[in-house]
């Protein structure tokens, strides 16, 4: 406005408002924005996820029972103040096994999401930035992966890799690479045509500098939001493979294996399967609720 007034007073040409420099407002920090949309549902979701993380980090603070030891005289006891989630067929505390099983389960879940995020983002970045033959080859592989159901692809990979928590994480992560690659490619193709990217190329910046300094930092927001959304899917996938017996082998507890171990006792000891299943369901719903909140913030 000041430039317009001065131009009129001095008789100069009125500057084009589109060319007038405007200092962009810096983005607000994420946590304050998240607090502004805090609701009971989001607060409960954060509490559930925090509890699961604390189970994995300090399990001894939540139960005094040994997850491997049990008393046969206390076998198949129902939920009570002594045993919150009852006991299994060997008299082991089911709640203690669920708490101590969180460490392996969460390790596999975080590893799976990290693999999918890093590998998928790398492929999408290369395909979107360089285009041409690289884009064609990478995206045809992505289309092939997307045509196979993720659980079926995970089963095929775990059959090749063999059982084990680490192998389960690798299988689930590789099965989710395609979704990250496609989203990252779309974001890179949008950013690479931006004015500041073209300006950097015009002043002689190398392609590697443009890729690292401009394209990559401005393409990761939606991909990170998708990683939060994939967290719930990873919980289900890892638990499913563990349920089928591909995870940690007995007597080591995992969420999926705990649910599987109680199948033979559904008629007489429903708590062995139902209560761990309720916990896994709550964690999946909490992760999805948090992901939706992050996605809304990215849109704004």
C-alpha atoms as a PDB file:
ATOM      1  CA  UNK A   1       0.000   0.000   0.000  1.00  0.00           C
ATOM      2  CA  UNK A   2       2.865   2.385   0.813  1.00  0.00           C
ATOM      3  CA  UNK A   3       4.434   1.750  -2.605  1.00  0.00           C
ATOM      4  CA  UNK A   4       1.143   2.547  -4.332  1.00  0.00           C
ATOM      5  CA  UNK A   5       0.783   5.921  -2.513  1.00  0.00           C
ATOM      6  CA  UNK A   6       4.374   6.941  -3.218  1.00  0.00           C
ATOM      7  CA  UNK A   7       4.007   6.067  -6.874  1.00  0.00           C
ATOM      8  CA  UNK A   8       0.877   8.195  -7.209  1.00  0.00           C
ATOM      9  CA  UNK A   9       2.514  11.159  -5.445  1.00  0.00           C
ATOM     10  CA  UNK A  10       5.681  11.061  -7.566  1.00  0.00           C
ATOM     11  CA  UNK A  11       3.894  10.382 -10.833  1.00  0.00           C
ATOM     12  CA  UNK A  12       5.628   7.075 -11.399  1.00  0.00           C
ATOM     13  CA  UNK A  13       3.938   4.036 -12.852  1.00  0.00           C
ATOM     14  CA  UNK A  14       1.815   2.162 -10.378  1.00  0.00           C
ATOM     15  CA  UNK A  15       3.595  -1.064  -9.469  1.00  0.00           C
ATOM     16  CA  UNK A  16       1.868  -4.331 -10.186  1.00  0.00           C
ATOM     17  CA  UNK A  17       0.449  -5.674  -6.887  1.00  0.00           C
ATOM     18  CA  UNK A  18       1.340  -9.202  -8.026  1.00  0.00           C
ATOM     19  CA  UNK A  19       5.002  -8.138  -8.157  1.00  0.00           C
ATOM     20  CA  UNK A  20       5.004  -6.421  -4.767  1.00  0.00           C
ATOM     21  CA  UNK A  21       7.073  -8.467  -2.346  1.00  0.00           C
ATOM     22  CA  UNK A  22       5.126  -9.847   0.542  1.00  0.00           C
ATOM     23  CA  UNK A  23       6.847 -11.515   3.430  1.00  0.00           C
ATOM     24  CA  UNK A  24       5.136 -14.879   4.009  1.00  0.00           C
ATOM     25  CA  UNK A  25       3.989 -15.656   7.494  1.00  0.00           C
ATOM     26  CA  UNK A  26       6.071 -18.374   9.104  1.00  0.00           C
ATOM     27  CA  UNK A  27       4.147 -21.601   9.727  1.00  0.00           C
ATOM     28  CA  UNK A  28       2.866 -22.074  13.208  1.00  0.00           C
ATOM     29  CA  UNK A  29       4.525 -24.826  15.265  1.00  0.00           C
ATOM     30  CA  UNK A  30       2.788 -28.181  14.975  1.00  0.00           C
ATOM     31  CA  UNK A  31       2.176 -28.921  18.664  1.00  0.00           C
ATOM     32  CA  UNK A  32       0.325 -25.658  19.418  1.00  0.00           C
ATOM     33  CA  UNK A  33      -1.868 -26.260  16.358  1.00  0.00           C
ATOM     34  CA  UNK A  34      -2.559 -29.798  17.541  1.00  0.00           C
ATOM     35  CA  UNK A  35      -3.560 -28.500  20.974  1.00  0.00           C
ATOM     36  CA  UNK A  36      -6.059 -26.133  19.383  1.00  0.00           C
ATOM     37  CA  UNK A  37      -8.038 -29.028  17.909  1.00  0.00           C
ATOM     38  CA  UNK A  38      -7.643 -31.225  20.997  1.00  0.00           C
ATOM     39  CA  UNK A  39     -10.784 -33.160  21.865  1.00  0.00           C
ATOM     40  CA  UNK A  40     -11.645 -35.946  24.256  1.00  0.00           C
ATOM     41  CA  UNK A  41     -11.221 -38.476  21.477  1.00  0.00           C
ATOM     42  CA  UNK A  42      -7.785 -37.208  20.490  1.00  0.00           C
ATOM     43  CA  UNK A  43      -6.662 -36.915  24.119  1.00  0.00           C
ATOM     44  CA  UNK A  44      -7.780 -40.497  24.793  1.00  0.00           C
ATOM     45  CA  UNK A  45      -5.967 -41.683  21.665  1.00  0.00           C
ATOM     46  CA  UNK A  46      -2.744 -40.013  22.773  1.00  0.00           C
ATOM     47  CA  UNK A  47      -3.118 -41.584  26.223  1.00  0.00           C
ATOM     48  CA  UNK A  48      -3.576 -45.064  24.723  1.00  0.00           C
ATOM     49  CA  UNK A  49      -0.531 -44.709  22.478  1.00  0.00           C
ATOM     50  CA  UNK A  50       1.576 -43.287  25.302  1.00  0.00           C
ATOM     51  CA  UNK A  51       0.578 -46.221  27.524  1.00  0.00           C
ATOM     52  CA  UNK A  52       1.600 -48.724  24.839  1.00  0.00           C
ATOM     53  CA  UNK A  53       4.978 -46.995  24.464  1.00  0.00           C
ATOM     54  CA  UNK A  54       5.535 -47.007  28.223  1.00  0.00           C
ATOM     55  CA  UNK A  55       4.644 -50.697  28.331  1.00  0.00           C
ATOM     56  CA  UNK A  56       7.468 -51.334  25.883  1.00  0.00           C
ATOM     57  CA  UNK A  57       9.988 -49.061  27.612  1.00  0.00           C
ATOM     58  CA  UNK A  58       9.350 -49.778  31.309  1.00  0.00           C
ATOM     59  CA  UNK A  59       7.151 -52.896  31.541  1.00  0.00           C
ATOM     60  CA  UNK A  60       8.172 -53.541  35.145  1.00  0.00           C
ATOM     61  CA  UNK A  61       6.434 -50.324  36.218  1.00  0.00           C
ATOM     62  CA  UNK A  62       3.051 -51.717  35.168  1.00  0.00           C
ATOM     63  CA  UNK A  63       3.149 -55.283  36.497  1.00  0.00           C
ATOM     64  CA  UNK A  64       5.083 -57.246  39.091  1.00  0.00           C
ATOM     65  CA  UNK A  65       4.499 -60.654  37.493  1.00  0.00           C
ATOM     66  CA  UNK A  66       7.030 -62.585  35.459  1.00  0.00           C
ATOM     67  CA  UNK A  67       5.588 -63.138  31.964  1.00  0.00           C
ATOM     68  CA  UNK A  68       7.389 -66.497  31.635  1.00  0.00           C
ATOM     69  CA  UNK A  69       6.641 -67.984  35.050  1.00  0.00           C
ATOM     70  CA  UNK A  70       3.316 -69.302  36.231  1.00  0.00           C
ATOM     71  CA  UNK A  71       1.601 -71.459  38.836  1.00  0.00           C
ATOM     72  CA  UNK A  72      -0.301 -74.432  37.453  1.00  0.00           C
ATOM     73  CA  UNK A  73      -2.668 -74.226  40.410  1.00  0.00           C
ATOM     74  CA  UNK A  74      -3.796 -70.816  39.112  1.00  0.00           C
ATOM     75  CA  UNK A  75      -4.323 -71.904  35.527  1.00  0.00           C
ATOM     76  CA  UNK A  76      -7.232 -70.411  33.534  1.00  0.00           C
ATOM     77  CA  UNK A  77      -8.411 -68.043  36.239  1.00  0.00           C
ATOM     78  CA  UNK A  78     -10.708 -65.257  35.085  1.00  0.00           C
ATOM     79  CA  UNK A  79     -10.002 -61.522  35.318  1.00  0.00           C
ATOM     80  CA  UNK A  80      -9.729 -60.276  38.885  1.00  0.00           C
ATOM     81  CA  UNK A  81      -7.911 -57.680  40.964  1.00  0.00           C
ATOM     82  CA  UNK A  82      -5.047 -60.164  41.333  1.00  0.00           C
ATOM     83  CA  UNK A  83      -4.831 -60.965  37.626  1.00  0.00           C
ATOM     84  CA  UNK A  84      -6.376 -58.125  35.609  1.00  0.00           C
ATOM     85  CA  UNK A  85      -6.534 -60.111  32.363  1.00  0.00           C
ATOM     86  CA  UNK A  86      -6.763 -63.539  33.966  1.00  0.00           C
ATOM     87  CA  UNK A  87      -4.244 -66.361  33.597  1.00  0.00           C
ATOM     88  CA  UNK A  88      -3.444 -68.758  30.787  1.00  0.00           C
ATOM     89  CA  UNK A  89      -3.342 -72.566  30.734  1.00  0.00           C
ATOM     90  CA  UNK A  90       0.054 -72.553  32.496  1.00  0.00           C
ATOM     91  CA  UNK A  91      -0.982 -70.097  35.190  1.00  0.00           C
ATOM     92  CA  UNK A  92       0.940 -67.159  33.723  1.00  0.00           C
ATOM     93  CA  UNK A  93      -0.472 -63.674  34.184  1.00  0.00           C
ATOM     94  CA  UNK A  94      -2.019 -62.663  30.852  1.00  0.00           C
ATOM     95  CA  UNK A  95      -1.713 -58.934  31.528  1.00  0.00           C
ATOM     96  CA  UNK A  96       2.019 -59.278  32.264  1.00  0.00           C
ATOM     97  CA  UNK A  97       2.516 -61.178  29.026  1.00  0.00           C
ATOM     98  CA  UNK A  98       0.634 -58.471  27.125  1.00  0.00           C
ATOM     99  CA  UNK A  99       2.740 -55.703  28.697  1.00  0.00           C
ATOM    100  CA  UNK A 100       6.069 -57.427  28.114  1.00  0.00           C
ATOM    101  CA  UNK A 101       4.994 -58.429  24.602  1.00  0.00           C
ATOM    102  CA  UNK A 102       4.615 -54.755  23.696  1.00  0.00           C
ATOM    103  CA  UNK A 103       8.362 -54.348  23.290  1.00  0.00           C
ATOM    104  CA  UNK A 104       8.753 -56.832  20.438  1.00  0.00           C
ATOM    105  CA  UNK A 105       5.456 -55.844  18.838  1.00  0.00           C
ATOM    106  CA  UNK A 106       6.195 -52.109  18.832  1.00  0.00           C
ATOM    107  CA  UNK A 107       9.746 -52.696  17.620  1.00  0.00           C
ATOM    108  CA  UNK A 108       8.391 -54.596  14.628  1.00  0.00           C
ATOM    109  CA  UNK A 109       5.702 -51.963  13.974  1.00  0.00           C
ATOM    110  CA  UNK A 110       8.094 -48.997  14.078  1.00  0.00           C
ATOM    111  CA  UNK A 111      10.647 -50.853  11.962  1.00  0.00           C
ATOM    112  CA  UNK A 112       8.006 -51.744   9.363  1.00  0.00           C
ATOM    113  CA  UNK A 113       6.796 -48.146   9.054  1.00  0.00           C
ATOM    114  CA  UNK A 114      10.380 -46.853   8.874  1.00  0.00           C
ATOM    115  CA  UNK A 115      11.259 -49.288   6.080  1.00  0.00           C
ATOM    116  CA  UNK A 116       8.150 -48.396   4.105  1.00  0.00           C
ATOM    117  CA  UNK A 117       8.733 -44.654   4.621  1.00  0.00           C
ATOM    118  CA  UNK A 118      12.427 -44.624   3.688  1.00  0.00           C
ATOM    119  CA  UNK A 119      12.357 -47.052   0.754  1.00  0.00           C
ATOM    120  CA  UNK A 120       9.075 -45.771  -0.661  1.00  0.00           C
ATOM    121  CA  UNK A 121      10.101 -42.126  -0.336  1.00  0.00           C
ATOM    122  CA  UNK A 122      13.422 -42.819  -2.051  1.00  0.00           C
ATOM    123  CA  UNK A 123      11.774 -44.503  -5.025  1.00  0.00           C
ATOM    124  CA  UNK A 124       9.107 -41.805  -5.292  1.00  0.00           C
ATOM    125  CA  UNK A 125      11.726 -39.055  -5.051  1.00  0.00           C
ATOM    126  CA  UNK A 126      13.821 -40.538  -7.856  1.00  0.00           C
ATOM    127  CA  UNK A 127      10.820 -41.206 -10.078  1.00  0.00           C
ATOM    128  CA  UNK A 128       9.261 -37.770  -9.612  1.00  0.00           C
ATOM    129  CA  UNK A 129      12.427 -35.695  -9.888  1.00  0.00           C
ATOM    130  CA  UNK A 130      14.284 -37.377 -12.737  1.00  0.00           C
ATOM    131  CA  UNK A 131      11.293 -38.659 -14.729  1.00  0.00           C
ATOM    132  CA  UNK A 132      11.912 -40.411 -18.029  1.00  0.00           C
ATOM    133  CA  UNK A 133      12.993 -44.044 -17.951  1.00  0.00           C
ATOM    134  CA  UNK A 134      13.543 -44.004 -14.184  1.00  0.00           C
ATOM    135  CA  UNK A 135       9.963 -42.851 -13.620  1.00  0.00           C
ATOM    136  CA  UNK A 136       8.576 -45.468 -16.007  1.00  0.00           C
ATOM    137  CA  UNK A 137      10.465 -48.409 -14.494  1.00  0.00           C
ATOM    138  CA  UNK A 138       9.876 -47.454 -10.864  1.00  0.00           C
ATOM    139  CA  UNK A 139       6.175 -46.745 -11.291  1.00  0.00           C
ATOM    140  CA  UNK A 140       5.578 -49.993 -13.188  1.00  0.00           C
ATOM    141  CA  UNK A 141       7.098 -51.851 -10.237  1.00  0.00           C
ATOM    142  CA  UNK A 142       4.903 -49.796  -7.898  1.00  0.00           C
ATOM    143  CA  UNK A 143       1.808 -50.668  -9.930  1.00  0.00           C
ATOM    144  CA  UNK A 144       2.732 -54.334  -9.695  1.00  0.00           C
ATOM    145  CA  UNK A 145       3.086 -54.123  -5.917  1.00  0.00           C
ATOM    146  CA  UNK A 146      -0.219 -52.273  -5.585  1.00  0.00           C
ATOM    147  CA  UNK A 147      -1.996 -55.010  -7.528  1.00  0.00           C
ATOM    148  CA  UNK A 148      -1.130 -57.555  -4.804  1.00  0.00           C
ATOM    149  CA  UNK A 149      -2.973 -57.368  -1.445  1.00  0.00           C
ATOM    150  CA  UNK A 150      -0.515 -56.193   1.187  1.00  0.00           C
ATOM    151  CA  UNK A 151      -1.168 -59.094   3.588  1.00  0.00           C
ATOM    152  CA  UNK A 152      -0.702 -61.630   0.803  1.00  0.00           C
ATOM    153  CA  UNK A 153       2.530 -59.939  -0.242  1.00  0.00           C
ATOM    154  CA  UNK A 154       3.708 -59.935   3.386  1.00  0.00           C
ATOM    155  CA  UNK A 155       2.980 -63.663   3.635  1.00  0.00           C
ATOM    156  CA  UNK A 156       4.954 -64.327   0.464  1.00  0.00           C
ATOM    157  CA  UNK A 157       7.931 -62.333   1.745  1.00  0.00           C
ATOM    158  CA  UNK A 158       7.895 -63.900   5.210  1.00  0.00           C
ATOM    159  CA  UNK A 159       7.809 -67.331   3.606  1.00  0.00           C
ATOM    160  CA  UNK A 160      11.082 -66.471   1.870  1.00  0.00           C
ATOM    161  CA  UNK A 161      12.680 -64.714   4.841  1.00  0.00           C
ATOM    162  CA  UNK A 162      11.563 -67.160   7.509  1.00  0.00           C
ATOM    163  CA  UNK A 163       9.860 -66.553  10.879  1.00  0.00           C
ATOM    164  CA  UNK A 164      11.030 -63.979  13.388  1.00  0.00           C
ATOM    165  CA  UNK A 165      10.086 -60.510  14.587  1.00  0.00           C
ATOM    166  CA  UNK A 166      12.672 -58.733  12.422  1.00  0.00           C
ATOM    167  CA  UNK A 167      11.632 -60.662   9.318  1.00  0.00           C
ATOM    168  CA  UNK A 168       7.992 -59.836  10.003  1.00  0.00           C
ATOM    169  CA  UNK A 169       8.891 -56.133  10.176  1.00  0.00           C
ATOM    170  CA  UNK A 170      10.829 -56.325   6.902  1.00  0.00           C
ATOM    171  CA  UNK A 171       7.986 -58.146   5.163  1.00  0.00           C
ATOM    172  CA  UNK A 172       5.322 -55.701   6.337  1.00  0.00           C
ATOM    173  CA  UNK A 173       7.521 -52.718   5.501  1.00  0.00           C
ATOM    174  CA  UNK A 174       8.314 -53.863   1.967  1.00  0.00           C
ATOM    175  CA  UNK A 175       4.649 -54.651   1.341  1.00  0.00           C
ATOM    176  CA  UNK A 176       3.790 -51.002   2.118  1.00  0.00           C
ATOM    177  CA  UNK A 177       6.498 -49.371  -0.007  1.00  0.00           C
ATOM    178  CA  UNK A 178       4.258 -48.783  -3.037  1.00  0.00           C
ATOM    179  CA  UNK A 179       1.828 -46.410  -1.304  1.00  0.00           C
ATOM    180  CA  UNK A 180       4.639 -44.176  -0.042  1.00  0.00           C
ATOM    181  CA  UNK A 181       6.372 -44.193  -3.422  1.00  0.00           C
ATOM    182  CA  UNK A 182       3.255 -43.056  -5.277  1.00  0.00           C
ATOM    183  CA  UNK A 183       2.486 -40.258  -2.807  1.00  0.00           C
ATOM    184  CA  UNK A 184       6.096 -39.048  -2.737  1.00  0.00           C
ATOM    185  CA  UNK A 185       6.247 -39.010  -6.534  1.00  0.00           C
ATOM    186  CA  UNK A 186       3.102 -36.873  -6.728  1.00  0.00           C
ATOM    187  CA  UNK A 187       4.472 -34.395  -4.176  1.00  0.00           C
ATOM    188  CA  UNK A 188       7.853 -34.156  -5.909  1.00  0.00           C
ATOM    189  CA  UNK A 189       6.228 -33.522  -9.294  1.00  0.00           C
ATOM    190  CA  UNK A 190       4.181 -30.726  -7.714  1.00  0.00           C
ATOM    191  CA  UNK A 191       7.157 -29.110  -5.973  1.00  0.00           C
ATOM    192  CA  UNK A 192       9.656 -29.353  -8.840  1.00  0.00           C
ATOM    193  CA  UNK A 193       7.557 -26.935 -10.949  1.00  0.00           C
ATOM    194  CA  UNK A 194       7.413 -24.315  -8.191  1.00  0.00           C
ATOM    195  CA  UNK A 195       8.891 -20.878  -8.819  1.00  0.00           C
ATOM    196  CA  UNK A 196      11.662 -21.173  -6.242  1.00  0.00           C
ATOM    197  CA  UNK A 197      12.842 -24.463  -7.769  1.00  0.00           C
ATOM    198  CA  UNK A 198      12.951 -22.929 -11.248  1.00  0.00           C
ATOM    199  CA  UNK A 199      14.767 -19.896  -9.842  1.00  0.00           C
ATOM    200  CA  UNK A 200      17.379 -22.131  -8.200  1.00  0.00           C
ATOM    201  CA  UNK A 201      17.951 -23.892 -11.517  1.00  0.00           C
ATOM    202  CA  UNK A 202      18.202 -20.540 -13.323  1.00  0.00           C
ATOM    203  CA  UNK A 203      21.020 -19.290 -11.085  1.00  0.00           C
ATOM    204  CA  UNK A 204      23.037 -22.433 -11.778  1.00  0.00           C
ATOM    205  CA  UNK A 205      22.355 -24.639  -8.763  1.00  0.00           C
ATOM    206  CA  UNK A 206      23.209 -28.287  -9.295  1.00  0.00           C
ATOM    207  CA  UNK A 207      20.388 -30.810  -9.543  1.00  0.00           C
ATOM    208  CA  UNK A 208      21.591 -32.553  -6.403  1.00  0.00           C
ATOM    209  CA  UNK A 209      21.433 -29.250  -4.488  1.00  0.00           C
ATOM    210  CA  UNK A 210      17.942 -28.528  -5.783  1.00  0.00           C
ATOM    211  CA  UNK A 211      16.852 -32.024  -4.822  1.00  0.00           C
ATOM    212  CA  UNK A 212      18.227 -31.901  -1.275  1.00  0.00           C
ATOM    213  CA  UNK A 213      17.610 -28.233  -0.384  1.00  0.00           C
ATOM    214  CA  UNK A 214      14.320 -27.477  -2.092  1.00  0.00           C
ATOM    215  CA  UNK A 215      12.411 -30.494  -3.395  1.00  0.00           C
ATOM    216  CA  UNK A 216      12.881 -32.993  -0.574  1.00  0.00           C
ATOM    217  CA  UNK A 217      12.076 -30.701   2.421  1.00  0.00           C
ATOM    218  CA  UNK A 218       8.915 -29.394   0.734  1.00  0.00           C
ATOM    219  CA  UNK A 219       7.633 -32.835  -0.260  1.00  0.00           C
ATOM    220  CA  UNK A 220       7.814 -34.711   3.019  1.00  0.00           C
ATOM    221  CA  UNK A 221       4.805 -33.251   4.883  1.00  0.00           C
ATOM    222  CA  UNK A 222       2.016 -35.410   3.390  1.00  0.00           C
ATOM    223  CA  UNK A 223       4.318 -38.438   3.378  1.00  0.00           C
ATOM    224  CA  UNK A 224       4.956 -38.121   7.119  1.00  0.00           C
ATOM    225  CA  UNK A 225       1.222 -37.775   7.687  1.00  0.00           C
ATOM    226  CA  UNK A 226       0.745 -40.985   5.720  1.00  0.00           C
ATOM    227  CA  UNK A 227       3.349 -42.683   7.924  1.00  0.00           C
ATOM    228  CA  UNK A 228       1.188 -41.899  10.943  1.00  0.00           C
ATOM    229  CA  UNK A 229      -1.813 -43.351   9.129  1.00  0.00           C
ATOM    230  CA  UNK A 230       0.130 -46.480   8.179  1.00  0.00           C
ATOM    231  CA  UNK A 231       0.974 -47.030  11.842  1.00  0.00           C
ATOM    232  CA  UNK A 232      -2.461 -48.495  12.508  1.00  0.00           C
ATOM    233  CA  UNK A 233      -2.201 -50.751   9.458  1.00  0.00           C
ATOM    234  CA  UNK A 234       1.235 -51.909  10.582  1.00  0.00           C
ATOM    235  CA  UNK A 235      -0.169 -52.883  13.986  1.00  0.00           C
ATOM    236  CA  UNK A 236      -2.760 -55.068  12.276  1.00  0.00           C
ATOM    237  CA  UNK A 237      -0.285 -56.558   9.786  1.00  0.00           C
ATOM    238  CA  UNK A 238       2.378 -57.396  12.384  1.00  0.00           C
ATOM    239  CA  UNK A 239      -0.213 -58.822  14.767  1.00  0.00           C
ATOM    240  CA  UNK A 240      -1.748 -60.888  11.956  1.00  0.00           C
ATOM    241  CA  UNK A 241       1.575 -62.461  10.985  1.00  0.00           C
ATOM    242  CA  UNK A 242       2.346 -63.101  14.644  1.00  0.00           C
ATOM    243  CA  UNK A 243      -1.121 -64.644  15.011  1.00  0.00           C
ATOM    244  CA  UNK A 244      -0.279 -67.027  12.158  1.00  0.00           C
ATOM    245  CA  UNK A 245       2.914 -68.087  13.923  1.00  0.00           C
ATOM    246  CA  UNK A 246       5.513 -66.149  11.902  1.00  0.00           C
ATOM    247  CA  UNK A 247       6.577 -63.818  14.699  1.00  0.00           C
ATOM    248  CA  UNK A 248       8.497 -64.567  17.893  1.00  0.00           C
ATOM    249  CA  UNK A 249       8.288 -68.222  18.813  1.00  0.00           C
ATOM    250  CA  UNK A 250       6.758 -69.411  22.118  1.00  0.00           C
ATOM    251  CA  UNK A 251       7.107 -68.805  24.981  1.00  0.00           C
ATOM    252  CA  UNK A 252       8.142 -65.249  23.995  1.00  0.00           C
ATOM    253  CA  UNK A 253       4.974 -63.109  24.127  1.00  0.00           C
ATOM    254  CA  UNK A 254       3.730 -60.903  21.307  1.00  0.00           C
ATOM    255  CA  UNK A 255       0.325 -59.331  20.784  1.00  0.00           C
ATOM    256  CA  UNK A 256      -0.654 -61.551  17.873  1.00  0.00           C
ATOM    257  CA  UNK A 257       0.674 -64.743  19.415  1.00  0.00           C
ATOM    258  CA  UNK A 258      -1.236 -64.049  22.652  1.00  0.00           C
ATOM    259  CA  UNK A 259      -4.491 -63.804  20.706  1.00  0.00           C
ATOM    260  CA  UNK A 260      -3.633 -66.976  18.815  1.00  0.00           C
ATOM    261  CA  UNK A 261      -2.741 -68.930  21.962  1.00  0.00           C
ATOM    262  CA  UNK A 262      -6.202 -68.416  23.422  1.00  0.00           C
ATOM    263  CA  UNK A 263      -8.147 -69.792  20.447  1.00  0.00           C
ATOM    264  CA  UNK A 264      -8.332 -73.303  21.881  1.00  0.00           C
ATOM    265  CA  UNK A 265      -9.838 -71.991  25.126  1.00  0.00           C
ATOM    266  CA  UNK A 266     -12.517 -69.660  23.790  1.00  0.00           C
ATOM    267  CA  UNK A 267     -15.331 -71.707  25.321  1.00  0.00           C
ATOM    268  CA  UNK A 268     -13.828 -71.800  28.813  1.00  0.00           C
ATOM    269  CA  UNK A 269     -11.325 -68.895  28.942  1.00  0.00           C
ATOM    270  CA  UNK A 270     -12.566 -66.139  26.630  1.00  0.00           C
ATOM    271  CA  UNK A 271     -10.303 -63.537  28.253  1.00  0.00           C
ATOM    272  CA  UNK A 272      -7.169 -65.073  26.729  1.00  0.00           C
ATOM    273  CA  UNK A 273      -8.207 -63.915  23.255  1.00  0.00           C
ATOM    274  CA  UNK A 274     -10.771 -61.177  23.808  1.00  0.00           C
ATOM    275  CA  UNK A 275      -8.828 -58.887  26.148  1.00  0.00           C
ATOM    276  CA  UNK A 276      -5.572 -58.775  24.104  1.00  0.00           C
ATOM    277  CA  UNK A 277      -7.748 -58.325  21.004  1.00  0.00           C
ATOM    278  CA  UNK A 278      -9.499 -55.348  22.598  1.00  0.00           C
ATOM    279  CA  UNK A 279      -6.118 -53.780  23.437  1.00  0.00           C
ATOM    280  CA  UNK A 280      -4.821 -54.206  19.874  1.00  0.00           C
ATOM    281  CA  UNK A 281      -8.071 -52.780  18.487  1.00  0.00           C
ATOM    282  CA  UNK A 282      -7.830 -49.764  20.798  1.00  0.00           C
ATOM    283  CA  UNK A 283      -4.245 -49.090  19.685  1.00  0.00           C
ATOM    284  CA  UNK A 284      -5.213 -49.291  16.000  1.00  0.00           C
ATOM    285  CA  UNK A 285      -8.134 -46.892  16.486  1.00  0.00           C
ATOM    286  CA  UNK A 286      -5.965 -44.502  18.510  1.00  0.00           C
ATOM    287  CA  UNK A 287      -3.277 -44.472  15.809  1.00  0.00           C
ATOM    288  CA  UNK A 288      -5.886 -43.777  13.116  1.00  0.00           C
ATOM    289  CA  UNK A 289      -7.398 -40.953  15.167  1.00  0.00           C
ATOM    290  CA  UNK A 290      -4.004 -39.311  15.621  1.00  0.00           C
ATOM    291  CA  UNK A 291      -3.240 -39.751  11.911  1.00  0.00           C
ATOM    292  CA  UNK A 292      -6.451 -37.960  10.945  1.00  0.00           C
ATOM    293  CA  UNK A 293      -5.538 -35.044  13.203  1.00  0.00           C
ATOM    294  CA  UNK A 294      -2.081 -34.800  11.626  1.00  0.00           C
ATOM    295  CA  UNK A 295      -3.573 -35.025   8.136  1.00  0.00           C
ATOM    296  CA  UNK A 296      -5.935 -32.152   8.838  1.00  0.00           C
ATOM    297  CA  UNK A 297      -3.059 -30.028  10.080  1.00  0.00           C
ATOM    298  CA  UNK A 298      -1.085 -30.759   6.914  1.00  0.00           C
ATOM    299  CA  UNK A 299      -4.055 -29.685   4.790  1.00  0.00           C
ATOM    300  CA  UNK A 300      -4.212 -26.361   6.646  1.00  0.00           C
END
